[in-house]
Amino acid sequence: MGNYLVGMEAAWLVRDVEEIDDAIGVAVSEAGKRLNNSNMEYVEVEVGATGCPACGEPFDSAFIAANTALVGLALEIDIFNAEGEEHASRIAKSEIGGALRDVPLSVVDVFEVSEDED
């Protein structure tokens, strides 16, 4: 049994918004509120990063068209006593997916964390 840090990506839709910064703020706030209402304050929520196709530099994962934004959120959760990386991924998707129903989620990274790093 090991402890893991699972990084996930979520696609969050924000309607009636004109500015990228507003869309990001709304997405992070709404996701945080839904996680907190499910007693999951331990999940870290941030805006995701996408690499520029031309130069490779990262920029905020947000796109607006017709006053509707798609914001990519980065979520991190610590999973304790999992049997392996796959088991930790399934636990993370189940936990976060239960709080963020109807939000597309995918696991991006899974890192084993030694007990000394806690």
Protein backbone atom coordinates (compact mmCIF):
# COMPACT_ATOMS: atom_id res chain seq x y z
CA MET A 1 0.00 0.00 0.00
CA GLY A 2 1.36 3.37 -0.99
CA ASN A 3 0.50 7.04 -0.96
CA TYR A 4 0.04 8.90 -4.24
CA LEU A 5 -0.44 12.42 -5.56
CA VAL A 6 -2.91 12.30 -8.45
CA GLY A 7 -3.10 15.18 -10.92
CA MET A 8 -6.27 15.49 -12.95
CA GLU A 9 -7.63 17.76 -15.65
CA ALA A 10 -11.23 18.99 -15.79
CA ALA A 11 -13.08 20.79 -18.58
CA TRP A 12 -15.27 23.53 -17.08
CA LEU A 13 -17.87 25.44 -19.11
CA VAL A 14 -18.62 29.07 -18.16
CA ARG A 15 -21.51 30.86 -19.85
CA ASP A 16 -22.15 34.61 -20.32
CA VAL A 17 -18.56 35.76 -19.92
CA GLU A 18 -16.52 38.19 -22.03
CA GLU A 19 -13.02 38.13 -20.50
CA ILE A 20 -10.62 35.22 -20.01
CA ASP A 21 -9.72 36.31 -16.47
CA ASP A 22 -13.41 36.40 -15.51
CA ALA A 23 -13.98 32.93 -16.97
CA ILE A 24 -11.00 31.54 -15.06
CA GLY A 25 -12.17 33.13 -11.81
CA VAL A 26 -15.70 31.77 -12.20
CA ALA A 27 -14.49 28.27 -13.10
CA VAL A 28 -12.06 28.00 -10.17
CA SER A 29 -14.65 29.45 -7.78
CA GLU A 30 -17.49 27.17 -8.91
CA ALA A 31 -15.30 24.06 -8.83
CA GLY A 32 -13.99 24.96 -5.38
CA LYS A 33 -17.50 25.58 -4.10
CA ARG A 34 -18.76 22.21 -5.36
CA LEU A 35 -15.77 20.41 -3.84
CA ASN A 36 -16.15 22.25 -0.52
CA ASN A 37 -19.88 21.40 -0.41
CA SER A 38 -18.83 17.74 -0.69
CA ASN A 39 -16.33 18.14 2.19
CA MET A 40 -13.36 17.85 -0.19
CA GLU A 41 -11.44 20.95 0.86
CA TYR A 42 -8.22 18.95 0.43
CA VAL A 43 -8.43 19.03 -3.40
CA GLU A 44 -6.22 21.71 -4.95
CA VAL A 45 -7.91 23.60 -7.82
CA GLU A 46 -5.99 25.81 -10.26
CA VAL A 47 -6.28 26.88 -13.87
CA GLY A 48 -4.52 24.43 -16.16
CA ALA A 49 -1.75 25.25 -18.61
CA THR A 50 -1.58 24.55 -22.32
CA GLY A 51 1.58 24.73 -24.38
CA CYS A 52 1.68 27.23 -27.24
CA PRO A 53 1.83 25.30 -30.53
CA ALA A 54 4.34 27.79 -31.97
CA CYS A 55 6.80 28.39 -29.14
CA GLY A 56 5.91 25.79 -26.51
CA GLU A 57 5.47 28.36 -23.71
CA PRO A 58 2.59 27.53 -21.34
CA PHE A 59 -0.47 29.76 -21.13
CA ASP A 60 -3.78 29.52 -19.24
CA SER A 61 -6.11 26.83 -20.57
CA ALA A 62 -9.11 28.97 -21.43
CA PHE A 63 -10.92 29.77 -24.65
CA ILE A 64 -13.93 32.04 -25.26
CA ALA A 65 -16.32 31.91 -28.18
CA ALA A 66 -19.82 33.42 -28.30
CA ASN A 67 -19.55 34.55 -24.65
CA THR A 68 -19.02 30.95 -23.55
CA ALA A 69 -15.69 29.79 -22.15
CA LEU A 70 -14.08 26.40 -21.84
CA VAL A 71 -11.60 26.47 -18.97
CA GLY A 72 -9.17 23.66 -18.29
CA LEU A 73 -8.72 23.15 -14.56
CA ALA A 74 -5.85 21.32 -12.88
CA LEU A 75 -6.88 19.32 -9.80
CA GLU A 76 -4.59 17.59 -7.31
CA ILE A 77 -5.58 15.11 -4.63
CA ASP A 78 -3.56 12.97 -2.21
CA ILE A 79 -4.62 9.33 -2.15
CA PHE A 80 -3.48 7.22 0.81
CA ASN A 81 -3.08 3.43 1.07
CA ALA A 82 -3.67 2.65 -2.60
CA GLU A 83 -2.53 -0.66 -4.07
CA GLY A 84 -0.81 1.05 -7.00
CA GLU A 85 -0.97 3.90 -9.50
CA GLU A 86 -4.02 2.50 -11.30
CA HIS A 87 -5.87 2.03 -8.01
CA ALA A 88 -4.97 5.58 -6.92
CA SER A 89 -6.27 6.91 -10.27
CA ARG A 90 -9.58 5.09 -9.89
CA ILE A 91 -10.02 6.36 -6.31
CA ALA A 92 -9.25 9.95 -7.38
CA LYS A 93 -11.70 9.82 -10.32
CA SER A 94 -14.38 8.37 -8.06
CA GLU A 95 -13.87 10.94 -5.30
CA ILE A 96 -13.64 14.03 -7.49
CA GLY A 97 -16.14 12.74 -10.06
CA GLY A 98 -18.74 12.35 -7.35
CA ALA A 99 -18.42 16.01 -6.39
CA LEU A 100 -18.08 17.35 -9.93
CA ARG A 101 -20.86 15.46 -11.67
CA ASP A 102 -21.19 16.03 -15.43
CA VAL A 103 -17.67 17.52 -15.62
CA PRO A 104 -15.26 15.71 -17.95
CA LEU A 105 -12.22 14.48 -15.98
CA SER A 106 -9.01 12.76 -16.94
CA VAL A 107 -6.00 11.65 -14.93
CA VAL A 108 -2.83 13.38 -16.12
CA ASP A 109 -0.16 12.38 -13.58
CA VAL A 110 0.24 9.94 -10.72
CA PHE A 111 3.26 10.19 -8.40
CA GLU A 112 4.10 7.92 -5.53
CA VAL A 113 4.83 9.96 -2.42
CA SER A 114 7.04 8.58 0.31
CA GLU A 115 5.81 8.96 3.87
CA ASP A 116 8.82 11.18 4.61
CA GLU A 117 7.56 13.83 2.12
CA ASP A 118 4.21 14.31 3.92
